[in-house]
Amino acid sequence: MRLSSERIKSLQALLKDIGLNYTDEQAQDAGMAIMRFTRAKLQRTYSINNENEVKDETNVTETKK
């Protein structure tokens, strides 16, 4: 998977604002790393929320007994 030229240019502008002058290839790598990190964080958040829902359901069930 690759980012489009427009997205690369956008990312380079954002990176430049924080003092990083990345080439197209470096920006491509950074963009992909950002997307992998974001996906992993969302998956982790989803897992935690599901675990909490299961615990809540278990507590409600035990309370009703």
PDB file of N, CA and C in Angstrom:
ATOM      1  N   MET A   1       0.840  -1.172   0.000  1.00  0.00           N
ATOM      2  CA  MET A   1       0.000   0.000   0.000  1.00  0.00           C
ATOM      3  C   MET A   1       0.891   1.243   0.000  1.00  0.00           C
ATOM      4  N   ARG A   2       0.480   2.226  -0.757  1.00  0.00           N
ATOM      5  CA  ARG A   2       1.250   3.463  -0.846  1.00  0.00           C
ATOM      6  C   ARG A   2       0.317   4.650  -0.692  1.00  0.00           C
ATOM      7  N   LEU A   3       0.849   5.724  -0.132  1.00  0.00           N
ATOM      8  CA  LEU A   3       0.088   6.970  -0.036  1.00  0.00           C
ATOM      9  C   LEU A   3       0.152   7.705  -1.370  1.00  0.00           C
ATOM     10  N   SER A   4      -0.902   8.428  -1.679  1.00  0.00           N
ATOM     11  CA  SER A   4      -0.932   9.191  -2.926  1.00  0.00           C
ATOM     12  C   SER A   4       0.034  10.375  -2.840  1.00  0.00           C
ATOM     13  N   SER A   5       0.381  10.912  -3.980  1.00  0.00           N
ATOM     14  CA  SER A   5       1.285  12.066  -4.039  1.00  0.00           C
ATOM     15  C   SER A   5       0.725  13.247  -3.249  1.00  0.00           C
ATOM     16  N   GLU A   6      -0.600  13.436  -3.325  1.00  0.00           N
ATOM     17  CA  GLU A   6      -1.228  14.540  -2.600  1.00  0.00           C
ATOM     18  C   GLU A   6      -1.090  14.358  -1.091  1.00  0.00           C
ATOM     19  N   ARG A   7      -1.283  13.129  -0.637  1.00  0.00           N
ATOM     20  CA  ARG A   7      -1.156  12.865   0.798  1.00  0.00           C
ATOM     21  C   ARG A   7       0.291  13.005   1.263  1.00  0.00           C
ATOM     22  N   ILE A   8       1.220  12.604   0.421  1.00  0.00           N
ATOM     23  CA  ILE A   8       2.641  12.755   0.755  1.00  0.00           C
ATOM     24  C   ILE A   8       2.977  14.236   0.922  1.00  0.00           C
ATOM     25  N   LYS A   9       2.528  15.053  -0.017  1.00  0.00           N
ATOM     26  CA  LYS A   9       2.802  16.495   0.054  1.00  0.00           C
ATOM     27  C   LYS A   9       2.175  17.101   1.309  1.00  0.00           C
ATOM     28  N   SER A  10       0.954  16.668   1.639  1.00  0.00           N
ATOM     29  CA  SER A  10       0.287  17.148   2.855  1.00  0.00           C
ATOM     30  C   SER A  10       1.078  16.761   4.098  1.00  0.00           C
ATOM     31  N   LEU A  11       1.498  15.517   4.146  1.00  0.00           N
ATOM     32  CA  LEU A  11       2.264  15.033   5.291  1.00  0.00           C
ATOM     33  C   LEU A  11       3.595  15.762   5.392  1.00  0.00           C
ATOM     34  N   GLN A  12       4.254  15.986   4.261  1.00  0.00           N
ATOM     35  CA  GLN A  12       5.522  16.713   4.276  1.00  0.00           C
ATOM     36  C   GLN A  12       5.324  18.121   4.833  1.00  0.00           C
ATOM     37  N   ALA A  13       4.223  18.771   4.493  1.00  0.00           N
ATOM     38  CA  ALA A  13       3.949  20.116   5.012  1.00  0.00           C
ATOM     39  C   ALA A  13       3.763  20.072   6.526  1.00  0.00           C
ATOM     40  N   LEU A  14       3.034  19.077   7.022  1.00  0.00           N
ATOM     41  CA  LEU A  14       2.847  18.938   8.470  1.00  0.00           C
ATOM     42  C   LEU A  14       4.165  18.669   9.181  1.00  0.00           C
ATOM     43  N   LEU A  15       4.960  17.787   8.596  1.00  0.00           N
ATOM     44  CA  LEU A  15       6.254  17.462   9.192  1.00  0.00           C
ATOM     45  C   LEU A  15       7.188  18.663   9.177  1.00  0.00           C
ATOM     46  N   LYS A  16       7.118  19.433   8.102  1.00  0.00           N
ATOM     47  CA  LYS A  16       7.974  20.619   8.002  1.00  0.00           C
ATOM     48  C   LYS A  16       7.626  21.633   9.092  1.00  0.00           C
ATOM     49  N   ASP A  17       6.336  21.721   9.439  1.00  0.00           N
ATOM     50  CA  ASP A  17       5.898  22.629  10.511  1.00  0.00           C
ATOM     51  C   ASP A  17       6.559  22.308  11.841  1.00  0.00           C
ATOM     52  N   ILE A  18       6.929  21.045  12.039  1.00  0.00           N
ATOM     53  CA  ILE A  18       7.592  20.672  13.297  1.00  0.00           C
ATOM     54  C   ILE A  18       9.104  20.495  13.108  1.00  0.00           C
ATOM     55  N   GLY A  19       9.610  20.993  11.985  1.00  0.00           N
ATOM     56  CA  GLY A  19      11.047  21.016  11.772  1.00  0.00           C
ATOM     57  C   GLY A  19      11.646  19.790  11.109  1.00  0.00           C
ATOM     58  N   LEU A  20      10.823  18.959  10.505  1.00  0.00           N
ATOM     59  CA  LEU A  20      11.329  17.759   9.843  1.00  0.00           C
ATOM     60  C   LEU A  20      11.186  17.894   8.330  1.00  0.00           C
ATOM     61  N   ASN A  21      12.285  17.866   7.627  1.00  0.00           N
ATOM     62  CA  ASN A  21      12.265  17.953   6.163  1.00  0.00           C
ATOM     63  C   ASN A  21      12.473  16.559   5.586  1.00  0.00           C
ATOM     64  N   TYR A  22      11.375  15.875   5.314  1.00  0.00           N
ATOM     65  CA  TYR A  22      11.422  14.509   4.817  1.00  0.00           C
ATOM     66  C   TYR A  22      11.329  14.474   3.297  1.00  0.00           C
ATOM     67  N   THR A  23      12.067  13.540   2.707  1.00  0.00           N
ATOM     68  CA  THR A  23      11.927  13.283   1.272  1.00  0.00           C
ATOM     69  C   THR A  23      10.589  12.582   1.045  1.00  0.00           C
ATOM     70  N   ASP A  24      10.221  12.427  -0.216  1.00  0.00           N
ATOM     71  CA  ASP A  24       8.972  11.719  -0.523  1.00  0.00           C
ATOM     72  C   ASP A  24       8.977  10.314   0.070  1.00  0.00           C
ATOM     73  N   GLU A  25      10.086   9.614  -0.064  1.00  0.00           N
ATOM     74  CA  GLU A  25      10.169   8.235   0.440  1.00  0.00           C
ATOM     75  C   GLU A  25      10.117   8.203   1.967  1.00  0.00           C
ATOM     76  N   GLN A  26      10.799   9.133   2.619  1.00  0.00           N
ATOM     77  CA  GLN A  26      10.759   9.198   4.085  1.00  0.00           C
ATOM     78  C   GLN A  26       9.342   9.520   4.569  1.00  0.00           C
ATOM     79  N   ALA A  27       8.674  10.423   3.883  1.00  0.00           N
ATOM     80  CA  ALA A  27       7.304  10.779   4.242  1.00  0.00           C
ATOM     81  C   ALA A  27       6.377   9.580   4.023  1.00  0.00           C
ATOM     82  N   GLN A  28       6.617   8.820   2.965  1.00  0.00           N
ATOM     83  CA  GLN A  28       5.844   7.606   2.697  1.00  0.00           C
ATOM     84  C   GLN A  28       5.993   6.631   3.861  1.00  0.00           C
ATOM     85  N   ASP A  29       7.219   6.396   4.286  1.00  0.00           N
ATOM     86  CA  ASP A  29       7.480   5.487   5.406  1.00  0.00           C
ATOM     87  C   ASP A  29       6.844   5.998   6.697  1.00  0.00           C
ATOM     88  N   ALA A  30       6.990   7.300   6.945  1.00  0.00           N
ATOM     89  CA  ALA A  30       6.411   7.890   8.151  1.00  0.00           C
ATOM     90  C   ALA A  30       4.891   7.781   8.127  1.00  0.00           C
ATOM     91  N   GLY A  31       4.296   8.052   6.987  1.00  0.00           N
ATOM     92  CA  GLY A  31       2.840   7.967   6.865  1.00  0.00           C
ATOM     93  C   GLY A  31       2.332   6.562   7.124  1.00  0.00           C
ATOM     94  N   MET A  32       3.019   5.577   6.582  1.00  0.00           N
ATOM     95  CA  MET A  32       2.615   4.192   6.804  1.00  0.00           C
ATOM     96  C   MET A  32       2.780   3.807   8.282  1.00  0.00           C
ATOM     97  N   ALA A  33       3.856   4.270   8.905  1.00  0.00           N
ATOM     98  CA  ALA A  33       4.070   3.984  10.327  1.00  0.00           C
ATOM     99  C   ALA A  33       2.971   4.624  11.176  1.00  0.00           C
ATOM    100  N   ILE A  34       2.588   5.833  10.828  1.00  0.00           N
ATOM    101  CA  ILE A  34       1.512   6.522  11.549  1.00  0.00           C
ATOM    102  C   ILE A  34       0.211   5.741  11.413  1.00  0.00           C
ATOM    103  N   MET A  35      -0.077   5.264  10.210  1.00  0.00           N
ATOM    104  CA  MET A  35      -1.319   4.510   9.997  1.00  0.00           C
ATOM    105  C   MET A  35      -1.299   3.185  10.758  1.00  0.00           C
ATOM    106  N   ARG A  36      -0.154   2.495  10.789  1.00  0.00           N
ATOM    107  CA  ARG A  36      -0.051   1.235  11.548  1.00  0.00           C
ATOM    108  C   ARG A  36      -0.249   1.493  13.041  1.00  0.00           C
ATOM    109  N   PHE A  37       0.369   2.570  13.544  1.00  0.00           N
ATOM    110  CA  PHE A  37       0.233   2.916  14.955  1.00  0.00           C
ATOM    111  C   PHE A  37      -1.227   3.229  15.290  1.00  0.00           C
ATOM    112  N   THR A  38      -1.869   4.019  14.447  1.00  0.00           N
ATOM    113  CA  THR A  38      -3.264   4.399  14.679  1.00  0.00           C
ATOM    114  C   THR A  38      -4.165   3.173  14.689  1.00  0.00           C
ATOM    115  N   ARG A  39      -3.940   2.265  13.750  1.00  0.00           N
ATOM    116  CA  ARG A  39      -4.751   1.048  13.701  1.00  0.00           C
ATOM    117  C   ARG A  39      -4.537   0.194  14.949  1.00  0.00           C
ATOM    118  N   ALA A  40      -3.293   0.045  15.367  1.00  0.00           N
ATOM    119  CA  ALA A  40      -2.999  -0.752  16.565  1.00  0.00           C
ATOM    120  C   ALA A  40      -3.646  -0.124  17.796  1.00  0.00           C
ATOM    121  N   LYS A  41      -3.590   1.195  17.888  1.00  0.00           N
ATOM    122  CA  LYS A  41      -4.192   1.885  19.029  1.00  0.00           C
ATOM    123  C   LYS A  41      -5.711   1.709  19.034  1.00  0.00           C
ATOM    124  N   LEU A  42      -6.335   1.811  17.875  1.00  0.00           N
ATOM    125  CA  LEU A  42      -7.782   1.608  17.790  1.00  0.00           C
ATOM    126  C   LEU A  42      -8.164   0.176  18.153  1.00  0.00           C
ATOM    127  N   GLN A  43      -7.391  -0.786  17.678  1.00  0.00           N
ATOM    128  CA  GLN A  43      -7.671  -2.184  18.009  1.00  0.00           C
ATOM    129  C   GLN A  43      -7.527  -2.424  19.503  1.00  0.00           C
ATOM    130  N   ARG A  44      -6.511  -1.839  20.109  1.00  0.00           N
ATOM    131  CA  ARG A  44      -6.292  -1.998  21.555  1.00  0.00           C
ATOM    132  C   ARG A  44      -7.443  -1.373  22.341  1.00  0.00           C
ATOM    133  N   THR A  45      -7.861  -0.181  21.932  1.00  0.00           N
ATOM    134  CA  THR A  45      -8.983   0.492  22.590  1.00  0.00           C
ATOM    135  C   THR A  45     -10.249  -0.342  22.464  1.00  0.00           C
ATOM    136  N   TYR A  46     -10.487  -0.893  21.278  1.00  0.00           N
ATOM    137  CA  TYR A  46     -11.650  -1.745  21.047  1.00  0.00           C
ATOM    138  C   TYR A  46     -11.601  -2.977  21.956  1.00  0.00           C
ATOM    139  N   SER A  47     -10.442  -3.596  22.065  1.00  0.00           N
ATOM    140  CA  SER A  47     -10.291  -4.784  22.919  1.00  0.00           C
ATOM    141  C   SER A  47     -10.558  -4.453  24.383  1.00  0.00           C
ATOM    142  N   ILE A  48     -10.017  -3.341  24.843  1.00  0.00           N
ATOM    143  CA  ILE A  48     -10.224  -2.930  26.235  1.00  0.00           C
ATOM    144  C   ILE A  48     -11.699  -2.674  26.490  1.00  0.00           C
ATOM    145  N   ASN A  49     -12.358  -1.977  25.571  1.00  0.00           N
ATOM    146  CA  ASN A  49     -13.783  -1.696  25.731  1.00  0.00           C
ATOM    147  C   ASN A  49     -14.598  -2.983  25.771  1.00  0.00           C
ATOM    148  N   ASN A  50     -14.257  -3.944  24.915  1.00  0.00           N
ATOM    149  CA  ASN A  50     -14.968  -5.223  24.917  1.00  0.00           C
ATOM    150  C   ASN A  50     -14.747  -5.979  26.217  1.00  0.00           C
ATOM    151  N   GLU A  51     -13.532  -5.956  26.736  1.00  0.00           N
ATOM    152  CA  GLU A  51     -13.237  -6.625  28.010  1.00  0.00           C
ATOM    153  C   GLU A  51     -14.046  -5.996  29.138  1.00  0.00           C
ATOM    154  N   ASN A  52     -14.130  -4.672  29.141  1.00  0.00           N
ATOM    155  CA  ASN A  52     -14.885  -3.973  30.177  1.00  0.00           C
ATOM    156  C   ASN A  52     -16.373  -4.286  30.078  1.00  0.00           C
ATOM    157  N   GLU A  53     -16.907  -4.404  28.862  1.00  0.00           N
ATOM    158  CA  GLU A  53     -18.316  -4.750  28.689  1.00  0.00           C
ATOM    159  C   GLU A  53     -18.592  -6.144  29.225  1.00  0.00           C
ATOM    160  N   VAL A  54     -17.695  -7.076  28.954  1.00  0.00           N
ATOM    161  CA  VAL A  54     -17.868  -8.443  29.443  1.00  0.00           C
ATOM    162  C   VAL A  54     -17.823  -8.451  30.971  1.00  0.00           C
ATOM    163  N   LYS A  55     -16.899  -7.722  31.559  1.00  0.00           N
ATOM    164  CA  LYS A  55     -16.810  -7.645  33.026  1.00  0.00           C
ATOM    165  C   LYS A  55     -18.072  -7.034  33.606  1.00  0.00           C
ATOM    166  N   ASP A  56     -18.581  -5.961  32.971  1.00  0.00           N
ATOM    167  CA  ASP A  56     -19.803  -5.322  33.443  1.00  0.00           C
ATOM    168  C   ASP A  56     -20.983  -6.285  33.381  1.00  0.00           C
ATOM    169  N   GLU A  57     -21.101  -7.032  32.283  1.00  0.00           N
ATOM    170  CA  GLU A  57     -22.184  -8.000  32.148  1.00  0.00           C
ATOM    171  C   GLU A  57     -22.065  -9.100  33.194  1.00  0.00           C
ATOM    172  N   THR A  58     -20.853  -9.533  33.480  1.00  0.00           N
ATOM    173  CA  THR A  58     -20.624 -10.569  34.482  1.00  0.00           C
ATOM    174  C   THR A  58     -21.029 -10.053  35.863  1.00  0.00           C
ATOM    175  N   ASN A  59     -20.662  -8.818  36.174  1.00  0.00           N
ATOM    176  CA  ASN A  59     -21.023  -8.241  37.482  1.00  0.00           C
ATOM    177  C   ASN A  59     -22.531  -8.101  37.620  1.00  0.00           C
ATOM    178  N   VAL A  60     -23.215  -7.703  36.562  1.00  0.00           N
ATOM    179  CA  VAL A  60     -24.666  -7.564  36.599  1.00  0.00           C
ATOM    180  C   VAL A  60     -25.313  -8.921  36.805  1.00  0.00           C
ATOM    181  N   THR A  61     -24.825  -9.943  36.102  1.00  0.00           N
ATOM    182  CA  THR A  61     -25.358 -11.299  36.223  1.00  0.00           C
ATOM    183  C   THR A  61     -25.155 -11.832  37.638  1.00  0.00           C
ATOM    184  N   GLU A  62     -23.976 -11.628  38.199  1.00  0.00           N
ATOM    185  CA  GLU A  62     -23.671 -12.118  39.545  1.00  0.00           C
ATOM    186  C   GLU A  62     -24.503 -11.397  40.579  1.00  0.00           C
ATOM    187  N   THR A  63     -24.775 -10.124  40.375  1.00  0.00           N
ATOM    188  CA  THR A  63     -25.566  -9.333  41.317  1.00  0.00           C
ATOM    189  C   THR A  63     -27.008  -9.818  41.335  1.00  0.00           C
ATOM    190  N   LYS A  64     -27.527 -10.233  40.182  1.00  0.00           N
ATOM    191  CA  LYS A  64     -28.924 -10.683  40.088  1.00  0.00           C
ATOM    192  C   LYS A  64     -29.152 -12.048  40.707  1.00  0.00           C
ATOM    193  N   LYS A  65     -28.103 -12.833  40.923  1.00  0.00           N
ATOM    194  CA  LYS A  65     -28.253 -14.201  41.448  1.00  0.00           C
ATOM    195  C   LYS A  65     -28.738 -14.214  42.862  1.00  0.00           C
TER     196      LYS A  65
END
